[in-house]
Amino acid sequence: MANGYLVLLLHAHLPYVRHPEYESFVEENWLFEGISETYLPILRMLDSLERDKVPFKLAMSISPTLATMLQDELLQQRYIAHLHAQLELAEKEINRTRGDDQFRPLAEMYRTLYQINLQDFTEKYENDITRGFDYYYKRGKLEILATAATHAFLPLYMQHPPAVRAQVQIGVADHARVFGKAPRGFWLPECGYSPGLEEYLSDQGVQYFFVATHGLVFADKRPASGVFEPVVCPNGVAAFGRDHASTNAIWSAEDGYPSDISYRDFYRDIGHDLPLDYIGPYLPGESIRVNTGFKYYAVTGKTNDKRPYDPEAAARKTREHADNFVYKLSERIDRLSGLMSVPPIVSCPFDAELFGHWWFEGPSWLELAIRRIADSPIKLVTPSEYLKVHPEHETSVPAFSSWGNKGYSEVWLDGSNDWLYRHTHKAIERMSELVERFPNQSGLKRRALNQAAREVLLSQASDWPFVMRAGTAVPYSVRRVKDHIANVAHVYEALSRGAVGTEWLTRVERQHKIFPDLDYRIFAWSDPDTVFSVPLPAIRQ
């Protein structure tokens, strides 16, 4: 039996951004950066481990919005065009840095990275990288969790059962659509839990979820093992608690590994540094300063005078930090194993985009850590594997919690974004009213009702209040919420008049091309026992 267990979970999510009405759209770069800097590097990491026969088990959640974008032909073609533009810029940079022994090798490094990305994306995965994750999912090395339909922060919608039910049920159904089987686990967006959410999960056959550290520490019955053993809710759904110490070693902006002075600096980018007449063709509108992905400097410290990035120095730090992580984890598990009746389990969930996008060396660190764990008494497991081996645990209900700043809902509900909830809640109420007024529609009216349901879901994305509070892409986030709410109102008023415009509806359907099997009746309120159940697609063989 293992001395102790480790669950590494990567939560992959991006908001649904798709604008066919424009030739290009700056916020679509969020997806392109995620593919280039996180998702493809993680897949190459998994390939490397499998090729060297290193034993590993990982958990991952892929949100329905992200999976839909990854499988969208329009966005796939735009990503390929993005890669060609990046390769063109790389050639220009290699020429510009000719004779510079520090920067030219970095320009060549980026050219190689984008060449590999283009080859992997187009040839290996035939433009759909969900196939790569599905490969390891089907082989039991990667357990993929479902998550909410549009990544809503669910605790703020608990007073609207149809909305929570829809987010969970559609999330589970979309997982089955993409991966061909029902999920065992569910990632609560932002690790946001409120008592009662486990009932919605149980209704969909979910076996477990994750909560923040204080979600277990302040549970109604404080578990004797703290976060180092899951608890089981009265309805049988298990809750794993996030280990703050282990995750903070990577997560912390002040003390975490990514803050080391040798690693590549995220914020210093040629998109901001170089003259506009040179870099303009690779910027939105040839004038809006954004990151291009070409970054030549190291973290260095809290100074604007940055040192050039040295990949070899960063690689040495990556090895050192992987060793340090496994050493400290082994020490903690050794201490805990003598105090517990079952081997302890340490749960480390992270945003996947931390690895590669925010922390350039993150995928390399993750691979090295997994290789070192393979030679240690620690066993990497998936959550369902652990529950199968150790099914008996204390019964308890976790406390309201999240992994956001200060641990509750402040990030998604403060003075910068609180205005939106009166509108999203009203949209839910209107949607439930429409279900009661039009319970069995077909043709154009049914299309309109289904689209209204999509708009309600999209308006609830936690990304928009998060961005508003962060103060980054605020105008776009405000516009997105207002547009979705306006579309719900448009359908509501059109159906009240008895007339739905085909041209308007077709345009909105084309723009928000998500949840093709959605049935608007999922928002029924008055009779939950007869709510339409979203069918799971046939499982692929």
Protein backbone atom coordinates (compact mmCIF):
# COMPACT_ATOMS: atom_id res chain seq x y z
CA MET A 1 0.00 0.00 0.00
CA ALA A 2 1.20 3.51 -0.80
CA ASN A 3 2.56 5.71 1.97
CA GLY A 4 0.22 8.41 0.73
CA TYR A 5 -1.60 9.67 -2.34
CA LEU A 6 -1.52 12.77 -4.49
CA VAL A 7 -4.26 14.11 -6.77
CA LEU A 8 -3.04 16.62 -9.33
CA LEU A 9 -5.98 18.32 -11.03
CA LEU A 10 -5.76 20.84 -13.87
CA HIS A 11 -8.90 22.88 -14.49
CA ALA A 12 -8.98 24.00 -18.14
CA HIS A 13 -11.48 26.73 -18.89
CA LEU A 14 -11.93 29.80 -21.07
CA PRO A 15 -15.08 31.84 -21.63
CA TYR A 16 -17.02 31.34 -24.84
CA VAL A 17 -15.67 33.90 -27.32
CA ARG A 18 -16.60 33.50 -30.97
CA HIS A 19 -17.25 36.38 -33.34
CA PRO A 20 -17.91 35.26 -36.93
CA GLU A 21 -19.24 38.74 -37.67
CA TYR A 22 -15.64 40.04 -37.66
CA GLU A 23 -12.64 38.92 -39.69
CA SER A 24 -10.68 38.70 -36.44
CA PHE A 25 -11.41 39.52 -32.83
CA VAL A 26 -8.84 40.34 -30.18
CA GLU A 27 -10.45 38.35 -27.34
CA GLU A 28 -10.30 35.19 -29.48
CA ASN A 29 -6.56 35.34 -28.77
CA TRP A 30 -7.36 34.04 -25.28
CA LEU A 31 -8.10 30.68 -26.90
CA PHE A 32 -5.12 30.81 -29.24
CA GLU A 33 -2.75 31.57 -26.36
CA GLY A 34 -4.27 28.75 -24.30
CA ILE A 35 -3.76 26.22 -27.10
CA SER A 36 -0.20 27.32 -27.89
CA GLU A 37 1.07 27.90 -24.38
CA THR A 38 -0.86 25.44 -22.20
CA TYR A 39 -2.95 22.75 -23.88
CA LEU A 40 -0.49 21.55 -26.54
CA PRO A 41 2.49 21.66 -24.12
CA ILE A 42 0.49 19.60 -21.58
CA LEU A 43 -0.34 17.04 -24.27
CA ARG A 44 3.36 16.84 -25.20
CA MET A 45 4.15 16.33 -21.51
CA LEU A 46 1.71 13.40 -21.35
CA ASP A 47 3.22 11.94 -24.53
CA SER A 48 6.71 12.18 -23.03
CA LEU A 49 5.64 10.38 -19.85
CA GLU A 50 3.91 7.63 -21.81
CA ARG A 51 6.84 7.25 -24.20
CA ASP A 52 9.23 6.73 -21.27
CA LYS A 53 6.75 4.40 -19.52
CA VAL A 54 6.55 6.67 -16.46
CA PRO A 55 3.49 5.68 -14.41
CA PHE A 56 1.09 8.59 -13.92
CA LYS A 57 -2.52 9.36 -13.13
CA LEU A 58 -3.86 12.88 -13.47
CA ALA A 59 -7.23 14.57 -13.18
CA MET A 60 -8.43 17.36 -15.42
CA SER A 61 -11.61 19.27 -16.07
CA ILE A 62 -12.39 20.78 -19.47
CA SER A 63 -15.27 23.25 -19.47
CA PRO A 64 -18.05 22.95 -22.07
CA THR A 65 -17.27 26.44 -23.38
CA LEU A 66 -13.61 25.53 -23.93
CA ALA A 67 -14.40 22.13 -25.47
CA THR A 68 -16.92 23.74 -27.83
CA MET A 69 -14.37 26.31 -29.00
CA LEU A 70 -11.70 23.65 -29.45
CA GLN A 71 -14.05 21.73 -31.74
CA ASP A 72 -15.31 24.78 -33.65
CA GLU A 73 -14.15 24.79 -37.28
CA LEU A 74 -14.15 28.58 -37.56
CA LEU A 75 -11.92 28.98 -34.50
CA GLN A 76 -9.70 26.10 -35.60
CA GLN A 77 -9.02 27.84 -38.91
CA ARG A 78 -8.43 31.15 -37.17
CA TYR A 79 -5.95 29.47 -34.84
CA ILE A 80 -4.03 28.09 -37.83
CA ALA A 81 -3.94 31.60 -39.33
CA HIS A 82 -2.71 32.87 -35.95
CA LEU A 83 0.14 30.33 -35.99
CA HIS A 84 1.19 31.38 -39.48
CA ALA A 85 1.27 35.01 -38.32
CA GLN A 86 3.36 34.01 -35.30
CA LEU A 87 5.83 32.17 -37.53
CA GLU A 88 6.08 35.19 -39.80
CA LEU A 89 6.81 37.38 -36.78
CA ALA A 90 9.38 34.85 -35.58
CA GLU A 91 11.26 35.13 -38.87
CA LYS A 92 11.22 38.91 -38.58
CA GLU A 93 12.51 38.67 -35.01
CA ILE A 94 15.31 36.30 -35.98
CA ASN A 95 16.37 38.81 -38.60
CA ARG A 96 16.02 41.79 -36.24
CA THR A 97 18.11 40.14 -33.51
CA ARG A 98 20.79 38.97 -35.93
CA GLY A 99 24.17 39.17 -34.18
CA ASP A 100 22.59 39.38 -30.69
CA ASP A 101 23.78 36.33 -28.72
CA GLN A 102 21.12 36.80 -26.03
CA PHE A 103 17.93 37.52 -27.99
CA ARG A 104 18.42 35.69 -31.29
CA PRO A 105 18.40 32.21 -29.65
CA LEU A 106 15.13 33.18 -27.94
CA ALA A 107 13.57 34.25 -31.24
CA GLU A 108 14.66 30.91 -32.70
CA MET A 109 13.16 29.13 -29.68
CA TYR A 110 9.78 30.74 -30.36
CA ARG A 111 9.95 29.82 -34.04
CA THR A 112 10.56 26.20 -33.07
CA LEU A 113 7.69 26.24 -30.58
CA TYR A 114 5.22 27.60 -33.11
CA GLN A 115 6.41 25.16 -35.77
CA ILE A 116 5.81 22.26 -33.39
CA ASN A 117 2.41 23.67 -32.42
CA LEU A 118 1.37 23.95 -36.07
CA GLN A 119 2.50 20.41 -36.83
CA ASP A 120 0.84 18.90 -33.75
CA PHE A 121 -2.39 20.81 -34.24
CA THR A 122 -2.89 20.16 -37.94
CA GLU A 123 -1.30 16.74 -38.40
CA LYS A 124 -1.37 14.90 -35.10
CA TYR A 125 -4.77 16.10 -33.84
CA GLU A 126 -6.32 17.11 -37.18
CA ASN A 127 -7.28 20.50 -35.69
CA ASP A 128 -9.16 19.03 -32.67
CA ILE A 129 -6.94 18.69 -29.59
CA THR A 130 -9.77 17.24 -27.48
CA ARG A 131 -8.74 14.00 -29.21
CA GLY A 132 -5.42 14.14 -27.39
CA PHE A 133 -7.03 14.41 -23.97
CA ASP A 134 -9.62 11.79 -24.89
CA TYR A 135 -6.79 9.36 -25.77
CA TYR A 136 -5.46 9.43 -22.20
CA TYR A 137 -8.96 9.55 -20.72
CA LYS A 138 -9.90 6.30 -22.45
CA ARG A 139 -6.69 4.65 -21.20
CA GLY A 140 -7.33 5.53 -17.57
CA LYS A 141 -4.30 7.78 -17.19
CA LEU A 142 -6.30 10.99 -17.23
CA GLU A 143 -9.64 11.34 -15.47
CA ILE A 144 -11.62 14.21 -16.96
CA LEU A 145 -14.22 15.89 -14.78
CA ALA A 146 -17.30 17.73 -15.95
CA THR A 147 -17.97 21.29 -14.90
CA ALA A 148 -20.83 23.79 -15.15
CA ALA A 149 -22.20 24.64 -18.58
CA THR A 150 -20.83 28.19 -18.77
CA HIS A 151 -18.70 28.23 -15.61
CA ALA A 152 -21.21 30.10 -13.47
CA PHE A 153 -20.24 30.81 -9.87
CA LEU A 154 -23.03 28.58 -8.58
CA PRO A 155 -23.34 29.82 -4.95
CA LEU A 156 -24.71 33.12 -6.27
CA TYR A 157 -27.55 31.32 -8.07
CA MET A 158 -28.73 28.96 -5.33
CA GLN A 159 -32.05 30.83 -4.99
CA HIS A 160 -32.82 29.81 -8.58
CA PRO A 161 -32.88 25.98 -8.69
CA PRO A 162 -33.59 25.85 -12.46
CA ALA A 163 -30.41 27.79 -13.17
CA VAL A 164 -28.20 25.59 -10.99
CA ARG A 165 -29.84 22.44 -12.32
CA ALA A 166 -29.30 23.62 -15.90
CA GLN A 167 -25.64 24.51 -15.32
CA VAL A 168 -24.91 21.10 -13.78
CA GLN A 169 -27.06 18.94 -16.04
CA ILE A 170 -25.89 20.56 -19.28
CA GLY A 171 -22.28 20.41 -18.07
CA VAL A 172 -22.58 16.66 -17.52
CA ALA A 173 -24.36 16.12 -20.84
CA ASP A 174 -21.79 18.15 -22.77
CA HIS A 175 -18.99 16.12 -21.20
CA ALA A 176 -20.65 12.97 -22.55
CA ARG A 177 -21.06 14.60 -25.96
CA VAL A 178 -17.34 15.38 -26.18
CA PHE A 179 -15.83 12.33 -24.50
CA GLY A 180 -18.47 9.66 -24.99
CA LYS A 181 -19.11 8.72 -21.37
CA ALA A 182 -20.60 10.09 -18.18
CA PRO A 183 -18.16 11.81 -15.80
CA ARG A 184 -17.42 10.53 -12.32
CA GLY A 185 -16.39 13.89 -10.91
CA PHE A 186 -17.47 17.51 -11.18
CA TRP A 187 -15.40 20.67 -10.87
CA LEU A 188 -17.38 23.43 -9.20
CA PRO A 189 -16.35 26.65 -10.99
CA GLU A 190 -13.93 28.71 -8.91
CA CYS A 191 -14.11 25.85 -6.39
CA GLY A 192 -17.29 27.61 -5.31
CA TYR A 193 -19.46 25.50 -3.01
CA SER A 194 -22.67 26.22 -1.13
CA PRO A 195 -24.48 23.58 0.94
CA GLY A 196 -27.04 21.86 -1.24
CA LEU A 197 -25.00 21.81 -4.45
CA GLU A 198 -24.20 18.17 -3.80
CA GLU A 199 -27.88 17.33 -4.41
CA TYR A 200 -27.68 18.62 -7.98
CA LEU A 201 -24.48 16.62 -8.49
CA SER A 202 -26.01 13.44 -7.09
CA ASP A 203 -28.99 13.77 -9.44
CA GLN A 204 -26.53 13.54 -12.37
CA GLY A 205 -24.64 10.53 -11.01
CA VAL A 206 -21.58 12.52 -9.91
CA GLN A 207 -19.43 10.76 -7.30
CA TYR A 208 -17.18 13.58 -6.06
CA PHE A 209 -16.21 17.24 -6.23
CA PHE A 210 -13.55 19.54 -4.72
CA VAL A 211 -13.77 22.34 -2.17
CA ALA A 212 -11.36 24.94 -0.82
CA THR A 213 -9.37 24.17 2.32
CA HIS A 214 -11.70 26.06 4.66
CA GLY A 215 -14.69 24.34 3.04
CA LEU A 216 -13.69 21.18 4.91
CA VAL A 217 -12.07 22.80 7.95
CA PHE A 218 -15.34 24.66 8.70
CA ALA A 219 -17.67 21.82 7.69
CA ASP A 220 -20.71 21.17 9.88
CA LYS A 221 -18.77 18.26 11.41
CA ARG A 222 -15.09 19.11 11.33
CA PRO A 223 -13.30 16.07 9.86
CA ALA A 224 -10.61 14.53 12.04
CA SER A 225 -8.22 14.25 9.08
CA GLY A 226 -8.73 17.80 7.86
CA VAL A 227 -8.21 18.08 4.11
CA PHE A 228 -6.10 14.92 3.92
CA GLU A 229 -9.09 12.62 3.54
CA PRO A 230 -12.34 13.33 1.70
CA VAL A 231 -15.65 13.59 3.49
CA VAL A 232 -18.89 12.10 2.23
CA CYS A 233 -22.00 14.24 2.16
CA PRO A 234 -25.19 12.66 3.56
CA ASN A 235 -26.33 11.90 -0.01
CA GLY A 236 -23.14 9.90 -0.72
CA VAL A 237 -21.22 12.41 -2.86
CA ALA A 238 -17.61 12.81 -1.71
CA ALA A 239 -15.80 16.14 -1.25
CA PHE A 240 -12.01 16.44 -1.54
CA GLY A 241 -10.37 19.39 0.21
CA ARG A 242 -7.66 21.48 -1.46
CA ASP A 243 -4.31 21.36 0.35
CA HIS A 244 -3.34 25.00 0.75
CA ALA A 245 0.35 24.45 1.53
CA SER A 246 1.07 22.30 -1.53
CA THR A 247 -0.88 24.44 -3.98
CA ASN A 248 0.45 27.69 -2.58
CA ALA A 249 3.99 26.59 -3.45
CA ILE A 250 2.97 27.04 -7.08
CA TRP A 251 0.01 29.41 -6.84
CA SER A 252 1.41 32.21 -4.70
CA ALA A 253 2.45 35.29 -6.69
CA GLU A 254 4.84 36.34 -3.92
CA ASP A 255 6.37 33.08 -2.69
CA GLY A 256 5.45 30.47 -5.30
CA TYR A 257 7.94 28.86 -7.63
CA PRO A 258 6.83 30.92 -10.69
CA SER A 259 8.02 34.12 -8.96
CA ASP A 260 11.64 32.99 -9.09
CA ILE A 261 13.89 35.56 -10.73
CA SER A 262 15.21 33.03 -13.29
CA TYR A 263 11.85 32.23 -14.89
CA ARG A 264 10.51 34.02 -17.94
CA ASP A 265 8.67 37.24 -17.19
CA PHE A 266 5.05 37.13 -18.37
CA TYR A 267 4.40 40.86 -18.63
CA ARG A 268 7.40 42.06 -20.66
CA ASP A 269 6.47 41.49 -24.30
CA ILE A 270 7.61 42.91 -27.64
CA GLY A 271 4.00 43.88 -28.31
CA HIS A 272 4.55 46.69 -25.81
CA ASP A 273 8.29 47.26 -26.29
CA LEU A 274 8.90 47.58 -30.03
CA PRO A 275 8.05 50.52 -32.30
CA LEU A 276 4.53 50.51 -33.67
CA ASP A 277 5.65 50.76 -37.29
CA TYR A 278 7.46 47.41 -36.80
CA ILE A 279 5.14 45.42 -34.55
CA GLY A 280 1.87 47.00 -35.74
CA PRO A 281 0.98 44.35 -38.36
CA TYR A 282 0.83 41.77 -35.55
CA LEU A 283 -1.40 43.85 -33.27
CA PRO A 284 -5.20 44.28 -33.37
CA GLY A 285 -6.00 47.13 -35.70
CA GLU A 286 -2.23 47.51 -36.11
CA SER A 287 -2.34 49.87 -33.13
CA ILE A 288 -3.66 48.18 -29.97
CA ARG A 289 -0.77 47.16 -27.74
CA VAL A 290 -1.24 43.54 -26.59
CA ASN A 291 1.01 40.61 -25.77
CA THR A 292 2.34 38.78 -28.81
CA GLY A 293 3.85 35.83 -26.92
CA PHE A 294 7.42 36.90 -27.73
CA LYS A 295 8.98 37.59 -24.34
CA TYR A 296 12.73 37.96 -23.95
CA TYR A 297 13.22 38.82 -20.29
CA ALA A 298 13.40 37.02 -16.95
CA VAL A 299 11.38 37.89 -13.85
CA THR A 300 14.57 39.42 -12.37
CA GLY A 301 12.70 40.98 -9.44
CA LYS A 302 10.47 43.96 -8.67
CA THR A 303 12.19 46.20 -11.16
CA ASN A 304 11.69 47.48 -14.68
CA ASP A 305 15.34 46.77 -15.44
CA LYS A 306 14.87 43.14 -16.47
CA ARG A 307 17.66 40.67 -17.31
CA PRO A 308 17.50 38.71 -20.58
CA TYR A 309 15.83 35.33 -20.19
CA ASP A 310 18.22 32.37 -19.90
CA PRO A 311 16.44 29.06 -20.70
CA GLU A 312 19.26 26.98 -19.20
CA ALA A 313 19.12 28.87 -15.88
CA ALA A 314 15.34 28.47 -15.88
CA ALA A 315 15.69 24.72 -16.56
CA ARG A 316 18.01 24.37 -13.57
CA LYS A 317 15.45 26.14 -11.37
CA THR A 318 12.68 23.93 -12.73
CA ARG A 319 14.57 20.81 -11.64
CA GLU A 320 15.33 22.35 -8.26
CA HIS A 321 11.71 23.30 -7.67
CA ALA A 322 10.39 19.89 -8.75
CA ASP A 323 12.77 18.26 -6.26
CA ASN A 324 11.71 20.72 -3.56
CA PHE A 325 8.00 20.07 -4.16
CA VAL A 326 8.33 16.29 -3.95
CA TYR A 327 10.65 16.51 -0.92
CA LYS A 328 8.23 18.70 1.04
CA LEU A 329 5.26 16.59 -0.06
CA SER A 330 7.02 13.42 1.10
CA GLU A 331 7.79 15.00 4.47
CA ARG A 332 4.16 16.04 4.96
CA ILE A 333 2.81 12.64 3.98
CA ASP A 334 5.31 10.87 6.27
CA ARG A 335 4.09 12.94 9.23
CA LEU A 336 0.43 12.46 8.36
CA SER A 337 0.62 8.72 7.71
CA GLY A 338 1.51 8.08 11.35
CA LEU A 339 -1.55 9.98 12.53
CA MET A 340 -4.25 8.60 10.23
CA SER A 341 -6.01 5.26 9.93
CA VAL A 342 -5.88 5.43 6.11
CA PRO A 343 -3.07 6.71 3.89
CA PRO A 344 -3.44 10.49 3.49
CA ILE A 345 -4.37 12.05 0.19
CA VAL A 346 -3.11 15.48 -0.81
CA SER A 347 -5.33 17.28 -3.32
CA CYS A 348 -3.69 19.90 -5.54
CA PRO A 349 -6.09 21.57 -8.01
CA PHE A 350 -4.83 24.34 -10.29
CA ASP A 351 -6.01 26.39 -13.21
CA ALA A 352 -4.46 24.60 -16.18
CA GLU A 353 -3.54 27.93 -17.78
CA LEU A 354 -1.07 28.57 -14.95
CA PHE A 355 1.15 25.95 -16.60
CA GLY A 356 2.67 27.38 -19.75
CA HIS A 357 0.63 30.54 -20.20
CA TRP A 358 1.31 32.35 -16.94
CA TRP A 359 4.29 30.20 -15.92
CA PHE A 360 6.21 29.41 -19.10
CA GLU A 361 8.21 26.62 -17.45
CA GLY A 362 5.13 25.12 -15.77
CA PRO A 363 4.66 22.09 -18.04
CA SER A 364 8.35 21.18 -17.65
CA TRP A 365 8.07 21.51 -13.87
CA LEU A 366 4.95 19.34 -13.86
CA GLU A 367 6.62 16.61 -15.90
CA LEU A 368 9.71 16.60 -13.68
CA ALA A 369 7.59 16.45 -10.54
CA ILE A 370 5.62 13.48 -11.91
CA ARG A 371 8.84 11.68 -12.80
CA ARG A 372 10.20 12.19 -9.29
CA ILE A 373 6.93 11.08 -7.69
CA ALA A 374 7.15 7.85 -9.71
CA ASP A 375 10.35 7.02 -7.77
CA SER A 376 8.89 7.94 -4.38
CA PRO A 377 6.53 6.23 -1.90
CA ILE A 378 3.80 8.64 -3.03
CA LYS A 379 1.23 7.36 -5.49
CA LEU A 380 -0.47 9.57 -8.04
CA VAL A 381 -4.16 8.65 -8.24
CA THR A 382 -7.36 9.84 -9.76
CA PRO A 383 -10.10 10.77 -7.27
CA SER A 384 -12.37 7.90 -8.31
CA GLU A 385 -9.48 5.44 -7.99
CA TYR A 386 -8.86 6.61 -4.42
CA LEU A 387 -12.56 6.31 -3.53
CA LYS A 388 -12.63 2.79 -4.93
CA VAL A 389 -9.70 1.70 -2.75
CA HIS A 390 -10.86 3.69 0.31
CA PRO A 391 -14.67 4.03 0.16
CA GLU A 392 -15.39 4.67 3.86
CA HIS A 393 -15.06 8.24 5.16
CA GLU A 394 -16.61 10.62 7.67
CA THR A 395 -19.99 12.11 6.85
CA SER A 396 -20.06 15.89 6.76
CA VAL A 397 -21.37 18.86 4.78
CA PRO A 398 -18.69 21.36 3.71
CA ALA A 399 -19.06 25.06 4.38
CA PHE A 400 -19.74 27.80 1.84
CA SER A 401 -16.37 28.55 0.27
CA SER A 402 -14.34 29.24 -2.86
CA TRP A 403 -10.68 29.49 -3.80
CA GLY A 404 -11.06 33.17 -4.66
CA ASN A 405 -9.48 36.04 -2.75
CA LYS A 406 -10.46 35.83 0.95
CA GLY A 407 -12.19 32.52 0.31
CA TYR A 408 -15.80 33.38 -0.38
CA SER A 409 -17.59 35.32 -3.16
CA GLU A 410 -15.89 38.73 -3.01
CA VAL A 411 -14.18 38.29 -6.40
CA TRP A 412 -17.49 37.71 -8.21
CA LEU A 413 -19.66 40.04 -6.15
CA ASP A 414 -18.37 43.48 -5.26
CA GLY A 415 -18.92 47.08 -6.26
CA SER A 416 -17.35 46.58 -9.68
CA ASN A 417 -19.73 43.87 -10.84
CA ASP A 418 -22.71 43.52 -8.50
CA TRP A 419 -24.98 45.37 -10.93
CA LEU A 420 -25.15 42.40 -13.31
CA TYR A 421 -26.87 39.95 -10.94
CA ARG A 422 -30.23 41.74 -10.87
CA HIS A 423 -30.26 41.25 -14.63
CA THR A 424 -29.07 37.63 -14.76
CA HIS A 425 -31.54 36.66 -12.04
CA LYS A 426 -34.37 38.41 -13.88
CA ALA A 427 -33.36 36.57 -17.07
CA ILE A 428 -33.66 33.24 -15.22
CA GLU A 429 -37.12 34.18 -13.96
CA ARG A 430 -38.22 35.17 -17.46
CA MET A 431 -36.87 31.93 -18.89
CA SER A 432 -38.82 29.87 -16.35
CA GLU A 433 -41.90 31.92 -17.16
CA LEU A 434 -41.46 31.22 -20.87
CA VAL A 435 -41.27 27.48 -20.18
CA GLU A 436 -44.59 27.62 -18.35
CA ARG A 437 -46.24 29.74 -21.06
CA PHE A 438 -44.82 27.76 -24.00
CA PRO A 439 -44.26 24.21 -22.70
CA ASN A 440 -44.30 22.30 -25.99
CA GLN A 441 -43.21 24.40 -28.92
CA SER A 442 -41.79 23.43 -32.29
CA GLY A 443 -40.33 25.16 -35.32
CA LEU A 444 -39.30 28.80 -35.11
CA LYS A 445 -40.68 29.34 -31.60
CA ARG A 446 -38.76 26.38 -30.27
CA ARG A 447 -35.55 27.68 -31.85
CA ALA A 448 -36.15 31.06 -30.23
CA LEU A 449 -36.80 29.52 -26.82
CA ASN A 450 -33.69 27.34 -27.07
CA GLN A 451 -31.63 30.39 -28.01
CA ALA A 452 -33.01 32.33 -25.07
CA ALA A 453 -31.92 29.49 -22.81
CA ARG A 454 -28.41 29.66 -24.30
CA GLU A 455 -28.29 33.39 -23.68
CA VAL A 456 -29.33 32.93 -20.05
CA LEU A 457 -26.54 30.41 -19.54
CA LEU A 458 -23.92 32.56 -21.28
CA SER A 459 -24.85 35.60 -19.20
CA GLN A 460 -23.98 33.67 -16.02
CA ALA A 461 -20.32 32.99 -16.87
CA SER A 462 -18.11 33.78 -13.87
CA ASP A 463 -15.48 35.17 -16.22
CA TRP A 464 -17.31 38.45 -16.80
CA PRO A 465 -17.57 39.60 -13.16
CA PHE A 466 -14.03 38.33 -12.60
CA VAL A 467 -12.65 40.45 -15.45
CA MET A 468 -14.67 43.47 -14.34
CA ARG A 469 -13.12 43.26 -10.89
CA ALA A 470 -9.64 42.70 -12.33
CA GLY A 471 -10.06 45.79 -14.49
CA THR A 472 -8.62 44.25 -17.66
CA ALA A 473 -11.10 43.72 -20.52
CA VAL A 474 -13.92 45.55 -18.74
CA PRO A 475 -15.76 47.08 -21.76
CA TYR A 476 -15.91 43.72 -23.53
CA SER A 477 -17.13 41.92 -20.39
CA VAL A 478 -19.84 44.50 -19.75
CA ARG A 479 -20.91 44.29 -23.39
CA ARG A 480 -21.12 40.50 -23.25
CA VAL A 481 -23.41 40.47 -20.21
CA LYS A 482 -25.62 43.21 -21.63
CA ASP A 483 -25.85 41.51 -25.04
CA HIS A 484 -26.93 38.18 -23.55
CA ILE A 485 -29.52 39.83 -21.32
CA ALA A 486 -30.82 41.89 -24.25
CA ASN A 487 -31.18 38.74 -26.36
CA VAL A 488 -33.25 37.06 -23.64
CA ALA A 489 -35.44 40.17 -23.46
CA HIS A 490 -35.79 40.20 -27.25
CA VAL A 491 -37.12 36.61 -27.33
CA TYR A 492 -39.39 37.28 -24.34
CA GLU A 493 -40.96 40.34 -25.99
CA ALA A 494 -41.16 38.70 -29.43
CA LEU A 495 -43.00 35.67 -28.09
CA SER A 496 -45.30 37.92 -26.09
CA ARG A 497 -46.21 39.65 -29.36
CA GLY A 498 -46.47 36.31 -31.13
CA ALA A 499 -43.83 37.15 -33.73
CA VAL A 500 -40.20 35.98 -33.91
CA GLY A 501 -37.83 37.44 -36.50
CA THR A 502 -36.07 34.73 -38.50
CA GLU A 503 -33.19 36.96 -39.63
CA TRP A 504 -32.35 38.11 -36.09
CA LEU A 505 -32.60 34.59 -34.68
CA THR A 506 -30.40 33.06 -37.38
CA ARG A 507 -27.72 35.70 -36.80
CA VAL A 508 -27.63 35.10 -33.02
CA GLU A 509 -27.66 31.31 -33.45
CA ARG A 510 -24.68 31.59 -35.79
CA GLN A 511 -22.76 33.73 -33.34
CA HIS A 512 -23.47 31.69 -30.20
CA LYS A 513 -23.06 28.22 -31.64
CA ILE A 514 -23.02 26.20 -28.43
CA PHE A 515 -25.09 23.45 -26.77
CA PRO A 516 -26.69 22.10 -29.97
CA ASP A 517 -28.92 19.66 -28.08
CA LEU A 518 -30.18 22.18 -25.50
CA ASP A 519 -33.88 21.98 -24.65
CA TYR A 520 -35.26 25.19 -23.16
CA ARG A 521 -37.57 23.21 -20.84
CA ILE A 522 -34.60 22.53 -18.58
CA PHE A 523 -35.46 25.91 -17.00
CA ALA A 524 -38.86 24.68 -15.80
CA TRP A 525 -39.62 25.83 -12.27
CA SER A 526 -43.17 24.89 -11.34
CA ASP A 527 -42.94 21.10 -11.59
CA PRO A 528 -39.36 19.81 -11.05
CA ASP A 529 -40.48 16.19 -11.25
CA THR A 530 -41.39 16.59 -14.92
CA VAL A 531 -38.36 18.63 -15.95
CA PHE A 532 -36.96 17.64 -19.30
CA SER A 533 -33.88 15.47 -18.84
CA VAL A 534 -31.00 16.14 -21.22
CA PRO A 535 -30.13 12.72 -22.74
CA LEU A 536 -26.56 11.54 -22.75
CA PRO A 537 -25.25 10.87 -26.25
CA ALA A 538 -24.46 7.33 -27.28
CA ILE A 539 -21.06 6.31 -25.93
CA ARG A 540 -18.38 6.09 -28.59
CA GLN A 541 -16.71 2.73 -28.89
